[in-house]
Amino acid sequence: MFAGVQIAFAMLLTAAIFGLIMFGDVTAYQLLTKIEETASNSILAAVPLFIFMGAMLEKSGIAERLFHAIHLWTKRLPG
């Protein structure tokens, strides 16, 4: 991370290096299997769509109006 590498790649590189030291050649198979398993998870496909939706709501001003409406409805509730 101090070299300016993104956090995900820094963690991946650290895990790969220590895996090679501790477990040897089987680390490459385990690493590739875990990457393929995570990439094929269909639930994780929703994460970028939620981020995109939030960005669109913010840029269009709808989010601010929604927060204002919710505040009007819930201003008497504590918390």
PDB file of N, CA and C in Angstrom:
ATOM      1  N   MET A   1       0.832  -1.195   0.000  1.00  0.00           N
ATOM      2  CA  MET A   1       0.000   0.000   0.000  1.00  0.00           C
ATOM      3  C   MET A   1       0.872   1.253   0.000  1.00  0.00           C
ATOM      4  N   PHE A   2       2.032   1.173   0.618  1.00  0.00           N
ATOM      5  CA  PHE A   2       2.917   2.337   0.636  1.00  0.00           C
ATOM      6  C   PHE A   2       3.493   2.633  -0.739  1.00  0.00           C
ATOM      7  N   ALA A   3       3.476   1.666  -1.618  1.00  0.00           N
ATOM      8  CA  ALA A   3       4.002   1.848  -2.967  1.00  0.00           C
ATOM      9  C   ALA A   3       2.963   2.459  -3.901  1.00  0.00           C
ATOM     10  N   GLY A   4       1.754   2.730  -3.394  1.00  0.00           N
ATOM     11  CA  GLY A   4       0.712   3.325  -4.214  1.00  0.00           C
ATOM     12  C   GLY A   4      -0.167   2.307  -4.913  1.00  0.00           C
ATOM     13  N   VAL A   5      -0.076   1.052  -4.515  1.00  0.00           N
ATOM     14  CA  VAL A   5      -0.885  -0.006  -5.114  1.00  0.00           C
ATOM     15  C   VAL A   5      -2.248  -0.006  -4.430  1.00  0.00           C
ATOM     16  N   GLN A   6      -3.282  -0.330  -5.160  1.00  0.00           N
ATOM     17  CA  GLN A   6      -4.613  -0.389  -4.569  1.00  0.00           C
ATOM     18  C   GLN A   6      -4.659  -1.453  -3.486  1.00  0.00           C
ATOM     19  N   ILE A   7      -5.552  -1.251  -2.507  1.00  0.00           N
ATOM     20  CA  ILE A   7      -5.606  -2.121  -1.339  1.00  0.00           C
ATOM     21  C   ILE A   7      -5.880  -3.569  -1.724  1.00  0.00           C
ATOM     22  N   ALA A   8      -6.793  -3.798  -2.646  1.00  0.00           N
ATOM     23  CA  ALA A   8      -7.139  -5.167  -3.027  1.00  0.00           C
ATOM     24  C   ALA A   8      -5.920  -5.899  -3.591  1.00  0.00           C
ATOM     25  N   PHE A   9      -5.154  -5.225  -4.433  1.00  0.00           N
ATOM     26  CA  PHE A   9      -3.988  -5.864  -5.030  1.00  0.00           C
ATOM     27  C   PHE A   9      -2.859  -6.025  -4.019  1.00  0.00           C
ATOM     28  N   ALA A  10      -2.732  -5.097  -3.080  1.00  0.00           N
ATOM     29  CA  ALA A  10      -1.717  -5.235  -2.032  1.00  0.00           C
ATOM     30  C   ALA A  10      -2.027  -6.440  -1.144  1.00  0.00           C
ATOM     31  N   MET A  11      -3.296  -6.621  -0.793  1.00  0.00           N
ATOM     32  CA  MET A  11      -3.681  -7.770   0.023  1.00  0.00           C
ATOM     33  C   MET A  11      -3.502  -9.075  -0.750  1.00  0.00           C
ATOM     34  N   LEU A  12      -3.841  -9.069  -2.026  1.00  0.00           N
ATOM     35  CA  LEU A  12      -3.684 -10.258  -2.863  1.00  0.00           C
ATOM     36  C   LEU A  12      -2.209 -10.644  -2.977  1.00  0.00           C
ATOM     37  N   LEU A  13      -1.368  -9.673  -3.199  1.00  0.00           N
ATOM     38  CA  LEU A  13       0.064  -9.941  -3.315  1.00  0.00           C
ATOM     39  C   LEU A  13       0.636 -10.453  -2.001  1.00  0.00           C
ATOM     40  N   THR A  14       0.234  -9.854  -0.887  1.00  0.00           N
ATOM     41  CA  THR A  14       0.703 -10.303   0.424  1.00  0.00           C
ATOM     42  C   THR A  14       0.273 -11.740   0.695  1.00  0.00           C
ATOM     43  N   ALA A  15      -0.985 -12.047   0.401  1.00  0.00           N
ATOM     44  CA  ALA A  15      -1.478 -13.409   0.617  1.00  0.00           C
ATOM     45  C   ALA A  15      -0.748 -14.400  -0.274  1.00  0.00           C
ATOM     46  N   ALA A  16      -0.482 -14.026  -1.507  1.00  0.00           N
ATOM     47  CA  ALA A  16       0.204 -14.927  -2.434  1.00  0.00           C
ATOM     48  C   ALA A  16       1.637 -15.190  -1.982  1.00  0.00           C
ATOM     49  N   ILE A  17       2.328 -14.158  -1.535  1.00  0.00           N
ATOM     50  CA  ILE A  17       3.724 -14.335  -1.098  1.00  0.00           C
ATOM     51  C   ILE A  17       3.802 -15.233   0.129  1.00  0.00           C
ATOM     52  N   PHE A  18       2.982 -14.941   1.143  1.00  0.00           N
ATOM     53  CA  PHE A  18       3.029 -15.760   2.343  1.00  0.00           C
ATOM     54  C   PHE A  18       2.477 -17.158   2.098  1.00  0.00           C
ATOM     55  N   GLY A  19       1.516 -17.285   1.185  1.00  0.00           N
ATOM     56  CA  GLY A  19       1.022 -18.607   0.827  1.00  0.00           C
ATOM     57  C   GLY A  19       2.098 -19.453   0.170  1.00  0.00           C
ATOM     58  N   LEU A  20       2.877 -18.833  -0.726  1.00  0.00           N
ATOM     59  CA  LEU A  20       3.976 -19.560  -1.366  1.00  0.00           C
ATOM     60  C   LEU A  20       5.036 -19.977  -0.348  1.00  0.00           C
ATOM     61  N   ILE A  21       5.299 -19.112   0.621  1.00  0.00           N
ATOM     62  CA  ILE A  21       6.281 -19.439   1.651  1.00  0.00           C
ATOM     63  C   ILE A  21       5.794 -20.599   2.520  1.00  0.00           C
ATOM     64  N   MET A  22       4.533 -20.551   2.908  1.00  0.00           N
ATOM     65  CA  MET A  22       4.003 -21.547   3.856  1.00  0.00           C
ATOM     66  C   MET A  22       3.584 -22.847   3.181  1.00  0.00           C
ATOM     67  N   PHE A  23       2.935 -22.775   2.028  1.00  0.00           N
ATOM     68  CA  PHE A  23       2.305 -23.954   1.437  1.00  0.00           C
ATOM     69  C   PHE A  23       2.907 -24.404   0.107  1.00  0.00           C
ATOM     70  N   GLY A  24       3.724 -23.602  -0.485  1.00  0.00           N
ATOM     71  CA  GLY A  24       4.382 -24.007  -1.734  1.00  0.00           C
ATOM     72  C   GLY A  24       3.502 -23.811  -2.961  1.00  0.00           C
ATOM     73  N   ASP A  25       3.608 -24.748  -3.895  1.00  0.00           N
ATOM     74  CA  ASP A  25       2.960 -24.613  -5.203  1.00  0.00           C
ATOM     75  C   ASP A  25       1.437 -24.720  -5.159  1.00  0.00           C
ATOM     76  N   VAL A  26       0.884 -25.338  -4.135  1.00  0.00           N
ATOM     77  CA  VAL A  26      -0.567 -25.490  -4.061  1.00  0.00           C
ATOM     78  C   VAL A  26      -1.261 -24.134  -3.876  1.00  0.00           C
ATOM     79  N   THR A  27      -0.521 -23.110  -3.489  1.00  0.00           N
ATOM     80  CA  THR A  27      -1.083 -21.777  -3.276  1.00  0.00           C
ATOM     81  C   THR A  27      -1.678 -21.204  -4.556  1.00  0.00           C
ATOM     82  N   ALA A  28      -1.042 -21.417  -5.680  1.00  0.00           N
ATOM     83  CA  ALA A  28      -1.541 -20.875  -6.948  1.00  0.00           C
ATOM     84  C   ALA A  28      -2.905 -21.458  -7.279  1.00  0.00           C
ATOM     85  N   TYR A  29      -3.059 -22.761  -7.083  1.00  0.00           N
ATOM     86  CA  TYR A  29      -4.357 -23.399  -7.350  1.00  0.00           C
ATOM     87  C   TYR A  29      -5.428 -22.854  -6.410  1.00  0.00           C
ATOM     88  N   GLN A  30      -5.108 -22.733  -5.129  1.00  0.00           N
ATOM     89  CA  GLN A  30      -6.075 -22.214  -4.158  1.00  0.00           C
ATOM     90  C   GLN A  30      -6.456 -20.774  -4.474  1.00  0.00           C
ATOM     91  N   LEU A  31      -5.474 -19.969  -4.848  1.00  0.00           N
ATOM     92  CA  LEU A  31      -5.724 -18.561  -5.161  1.00  0.00           C
ATOM     93  C   LEU A  31      -6.618 -18.416  -6.388  1.00  0.00           C
ATOM     94  N   LEU A  32      -6.315 -19.143  -7.439  1.00  0.00           N
ATOM     95  CA  LEU A  32      -7.116 -19.063  -8.655  1.00  0.00           C
ATOM     96  C   LEU A  32      -8.526 -19.614  -8.443  1.00  0.00           C
ATOM     97  N   THR A  33      -8.634 -20.667  -7.655  1.00  0.00           N
ATOM     98  CA  THR A  33      -9.950 -21.233  -7.355  1.00  0.00           C
ATOM     99  C   THR A  33     -10.805 -20.240  -6.589  1.00  0.00           C
ATOM    100  N   LYS A  34     -10.226 -19.561  -5.609  1.00  0.00           N
ATOM    101  CA  LYS A  34     -10.978 -18.589  -4.810  1.00  0.00           C
ATOM    102  C   LYS A  34     -11.375 -17.374  -5.656  1.00  0.00           C
ATOM    103  N   ILE A  35     -10.506 -16.908  -6.533  1.00  0.00           N
ATOM    104  CA  ILE A  35     -10.835 -15.782  -7.409  1.00  0.00           C
ATOM    105  C   ILE A  35     -11.979 -16.157  -8.340  1.00  0.00           C
ATOM    106  N   GLU A  36     -11.922 -17.357  -8.920  1.00  0.00           N
ATOM    107  CA  GLU A  36     -12.986 -17.798  -9.827  1.00  0.00           C
ATOM    108  C   GLU A  36     -14.307 -17.978  -9.090  1.00  0.00           C
ATOM    109  N   GLU A  37     -14.246 -18.495  -7.868  1.00  0.00           N
ATOM    110  CA  GLU A  37     -15.457 -18.686  -7.065  1.00  0.00           C
ATOM    111  C   GLU A  37     -16.109 -17.349  -6.724  1.00  0.00           C
ATOM    112  N   THR A  38     -15.303 -16.371  -6.366  1.00  0.00           N
ATOM    113  CA  THR A  38     -15.827 -15.052  -6.015  1.00  0.00           C
ATOM    114  C   THR A  38     -16.354 -14.330  -7.249  1.00  0.00           C
ATOM    115  N   ALA A  39     -15.666 -14.427  -8.377  1.00  0.00           N
ATOM    116  CA  ALA A  39     -16.087 -13.737  -9.593  1.00  0.00           C
ATOM    117  C   ALA A  39     -17.380 -14.302 -10.162  1.00  0.00           C
ATOM    118  N   SER A  40     -17.637 -15.583  -9.913  1.00  0.00           N
ATOM    119  CA  SER A  40     -18.856 -16.189 -10.453  1.00  0.00           C
ATOM    120  C   SER A  40     -20.050 -16.059  -9.511  1.00  0.00           C
ATOM    121  N   ASN A  41     -19.880 -15.370  -8.388  1.00  0.00           N
ATOM    122  CA  ASN A  41     -20.968 -15.176  -7.437  1.00  0.00           C
ATOM    123  C   ASN A  41     -21.929 -14.120  -7.995  1.00  0.00           C
ATOM    124  N   SER A  42     -23.146 -14.515  -8.288  1.00  0.00           N
ATOM    125  CA  SER A  42     -24.092 -13.598  -8.925  1.00  0.00           C
ATOM    126  C   SER A  42     -24.614 -12.530  -7.970  1.00  0.00           C
ATOM    127  N   ILE A  43     -24.549 -12.775  -6.681  1.00  0.00           N
ATOM    128  CA  ILE A  43     -25.026 -11.781  -5.714  1.00  0.00           C
ATOM    129  C   ILE A  43     -24.136 -10.539  -5.740  1.00  0.00           C
ATOM    130  N   LEU A  44     -22.842 -10.727  -5.946  1.00  0.00           N
ATOM    131  CA  LEU A  44     -21.917  -9.592  -5.963  1.00  0.00           C
ATOM    132  C   LEU A  44     -22.112  -8.687  -7.175  1.00  0.00           C
ATOM    133  N   ALA A  45     -22.858  -9.130  -8.177  1.00  0.00           N
ATOM    134  CA  ALA A  45     -23.110  -8.295  -9.351  1.00  0.00           C
ATOM    135  C   ALA A  45     -23.989  -7.106  -8.993  1.00  0.00           C
ATOM    136  N   ALA A  46     -24.749  -7.191  -7.907  1.00  0.00           N
ATOM    137  CA  ALA A  46     -25.640  -6.102  -7.509  1.00  0.00           C
ATOM    138  C   ALA A  46     -24.887  -4.924  -6.900  1.00  0.00           C
ATOM    139  N   VAL A  47     -23.694  -5.146  -6.369  1.00  0.00           N
ATOM    140  CA  VAL A  47     -22.954  -4.079  -5.685  1.00  0.00           C
ATOM    141  C   VAL A  47     -22.655  -2.904  -6.618  1.00  0.00           C
ATOM    142  N   PRO A  48     -22.079  -3.089  -7.812  1.00  0.00           N
ATOM    143  CA  PRO A  48     -21.839  -1.929  -8.677  1.00  0.00           C
ATOM    144  C   PRO A  48     -23.137  -1.239  -9.109  1.00  0.00           C
ATOM    145  N   LEU A  49     -24.216  -2.002  -9.232  1.00  0.00           N
ATOM    146  CA  LEU A  49     -25.484  -1.386  -9.622  1.00  0.00           C
ATOM    147  C   LEU A  49     -26.026  -0.495  -8.514  1.00  0.00           C
ATOM    148  N   PHE A  50     -25.894  -0.901  -7.248  1.00  0.00           N
ATOM    149  CA  PHE A  50     -26.319  -0.048  -6.140  1.00  0.00           C
ATOM    150  C   PHE A  50     -25.466   1.214  -6.068  1.00  0.00           C
ATOM    151  N   ILE A  51     -24.170   1.093  -6.298  1.00  0.00           N
ATOM    152  CA  ILE A  51     -23.298   2.268  -6.292  1.00  0.00           C
ATOM    153  C   ILE A  51     -23.693   3.218  -7.420  1.00  0.00           C
ATOM    154  N   PHE A  52     -23.969   2.669  -8.605  1.00  0.00           N
ATOM    155  CA  PHE A  52     -24.400   3.488  -9.734  1.00  0.00           C
ATOM    156  C   PHE A  52     -25.724   4.187  -9.428  1.00  0.00           C
ATOM    157  N   MET A  53     -26.667   3.459  -8.812  1.00  0.00           N
ATOM    158  CA  MET A  53     -27.959   4.046  -8.464  1.00  0.00           C
ATOM    159  C   MET A  53     -27.771   5.207  -7.488  1.00  0.00           C
ATOM    160  N   GLY A  54     -26.917   5.023  -6.474  1.00  0.00           N
ATOM    161  CA  GLY A  54     -26.667   6.098  -5.516  1.00  0.00           C
ATOM    162  C   GLY A  54     -26.039   7.318  -6.170  1.00  0.00           C
ATOM    163  N   ALA A  55     -25.123   7.098  -7.098  1.00  0.00           N
ATOM    164  CA  ALA A  55     -24.490   8.212  -7.800  1.00  0.00           C
ATOM    165  C   ALA A  55     -25.507   8.974  -8.645  1.00  0.00           C
ATOM    166  N   MET A  56     -26.397   8.246  -9.305  1.00  0.00           N
ATOM    167  CA  MET A  56     -27.426   8.899 -10.124  1.00  0.00           C
ATOM    168  C   MET A  56     -28.415   9.684  -9.261  1.00  0.00           C
ATOM    169  N   LEU A  57     -28.788   9.119  -8.109  1.00  0.00           N
ATOM    170  CA  LEU A  57     -29.704   9.836  -7.210  1.00  0.00           C
ATOM    171  C   LEU A  57     -29.062  11.109  -6.681  1.00  0.00           C
ATOM    172  N   GLU A  58     -27.779  11.049  -6.382  1.00  0.00           N
ATOM    173  CA  GLU A  58     -27.105  12.235  -5.860  1.00  0.00           C
ATOM    174  C   GLU A  58     -26.961  13.316  -6.934  1.00  0.00           C
ATOM    175  N   LYS A  59     -26.514  12.925  -8.129  1.00  0.00           N
ATOM    176  CA  LYS A  59     -26.282  13.908  -9.196  1.00  0.00           C
ATOM    177  C   LYS A  59     -27.569  14.573  -9.672  1.00  0.00           C
ATOM    178  N   SER A  60     -28.682  13.826  -9.626  1.00  0.00           N
ATOM    179  CA  SER A  60     -29.942  14.392 -10.109  1.00  0.00           C
ATOM    180  C   SER A  60     -30.657  15.229  -9.057  1.00  0.00           C
ATOM    181  N   GLY A  61     -30.220  15.135  -7.797  1.00  0.00           N
ATOM    182  CA  GLY A  61     -30.864  15.910  -6.735  1.00  0.00           C
ATOM    183  C   GLY A  61     -32.037  15.196  -6.093  1.00  0.00           C
ATOM    184  N   ILE A  62     -32.355  14.018  -6.561  1.00  0.00           N
ATOM    185  CA  ILE A  62     -33.488  13.271  -6.001  1.00  0.00           C
ATOM    186  C   ILE A  62     -33.182  12.845  -4.574  1.00  0.00           C
ATOM    187  N   ALA A  63     -31.946  12.486  -4.281  1.00  0.00           N
ATOM    188  CA  ALA A  63     -31.589  12.025  -2.945  1.00  0.00           C
ATOM    189  C   ALA A  63     -31.833  13.111  -1.906  1.00  0.00           C
ATOM    190  N   GLU A  64     -31.480  14.334  -2.220  1.00  0.00           N
ATOM    191  CA  GLU A  64     -31.685  15.436  -1.274  1.00  0.00           C
ATOM    192  C   GLU A  64     -33.173  15.650  -1.009  1.00  0.00           C
ATOM    193  N   ARG A  65     -33.986  15.566  -2.056  1.00  0.00           N
ATOM    194  CA  ARG A  65     -35.432  15.721  -1.876  1.00  0.00           C
ATOM    195  C   ARG A  65     -36.024  14.562  -1.094  1.00  0.00           C
ATOM    196  N   LEU A  66     -35.500  13.349  -1.289  1.00  0.00           N
ATOM    197  CA  LEU A  66     -35.966  12.196  -0.512  1.00  0.00           C
ATOM    198  C   LEU A  66     -35.625  12.357   0.968  1.00  0.00           C
ATOM    199  N   PHE A  67     -34.412  12.796   1.278  1.00  0.00           N
ATOM    200  CA  PHE A  67     -34.040  13.026   2.674  1.00  0.00           C
ATOM    201  C   PHE A  67     -34.899  14.113   3.300  1.00  0.00           C
ATOM    202  N   HIS A  68     -35.191  15.144   2.554  1.00  0.00           N
ATOM    203  CA  HIS A  68     -36.058  16.221   3.073  1.00  0.00           C
ATOM    204  C   HIS A  68     -37.465  15.681   3.356  1.00  0.00           C
ATOM    205  N   ALA A  69     -38.011  14.868   2.467  1.00  0.00           N
ATOM    206  CA  ALA A  69     -39.345  14.296   2.668  1.00  0.00           C
ATOM    207  C   ALA A  69     -39.367  13.365   3.876  1.00  0.00           C
ATOM    208  N   ILE A  70     -38.343  12.552   4.030  1.00  0.00           N
ATOM    209  CA  ILE A  70     -38.287  11.652   5.183  1.00  0.00           C
ATOM    210  C   ILE A  70     -38.155  12.452   6.469  1.00  0.00           C
ATOM    211  N   HIS A  71     -37.392  13.532   6.427  1.00  0.00           N
ATOM    212  CA  HIS A  71     -37.263  14.389   7.609  1.00  0.00           C
ATOM    213  C   HIS A  71     -38.612  15.000   7.985  1.00  0.00           C
ATOM    214  N   LEU A  72     -39.391  15.420   7.000  1.00  0.00           N
ATOM    215  CA  LEU A  72     -40.714  15.975   7.297  1.00  0.00           C
ATOM    216  C   LEU A  72     -41.630  14.937   7.943  1.00  0.00           C
ATOM    217  N   TRP A  73     -41.536  13.701   7.508  1.00  0.00           N
ATOM    218  CA  TRP A  73     -42.379  12.639   8.059  1.00  0.00           C
ATOM    219  C   TRP A  73     -41.947  12.189   9.442  1.00  0.00           C
ATOM    220  N   THR A  74     -40.655  12.237   9.722  1.00  0.00           N
ATOM    221  CA  THR A  74     -40.142  11.644  10.955  1.00  0.00           C
ATOM    222  C   THR A  74     -39.538  12.653  11.915  1.00  0.00           C
ATOM    223  N   LYS A  75     -39.784  13.954  11.764  1.00  0.00           N
ATOM    224  CA  LYS A  75     -39.101  14.929  12.604  1.00  0.00           C
ATOM    225  C   LYS A  75     -39.540  14.863  14.062  1.00  0.00           C
ATOM    226  N   ARG A  76     -40.738  14.327  14.337  1.00  0.00           N
ATOM    227  CA  ARG A  76     -41.188  14.248  15.731  1.00  0.00           C
ATOM    228  C   ARG A  76     -40.711  12.976  16.414  1.00  0.00           C
ATOM    229  N   LEU A  77     -40.153  12.041  15.678  1.00  0.00           N
ATOM    230  CA  LEU A  77     -39.669  10.807  16.289  1.00  0.00           C
ATOM    231  C   LEU A  77     -38.278  11.028  16.903  1.00  0.00           C
ATOM    232  N   PRO A  78     -38.050  10.492  18.101  1.00  0.00           N
ATOM    233  CA  PRO A  78     -36.724  10.672  18.709  1.00  0.00           C
ATOM    234  C   PRO A  78     -35.687   9.812  17.977  1.00  0.00           C
ATOM    235  N   GLY A  79     -34.467  10.291  18.002  1.00  0.00           N
ATOM    236  CA  GLY A  79     -33.370   9.527  17.394  1.00  0.00           C
ATOM    237  C   GLY A  79     -33.161   9.918  16.008  1.00  0.00           C
TER     238      GLY A  79
END
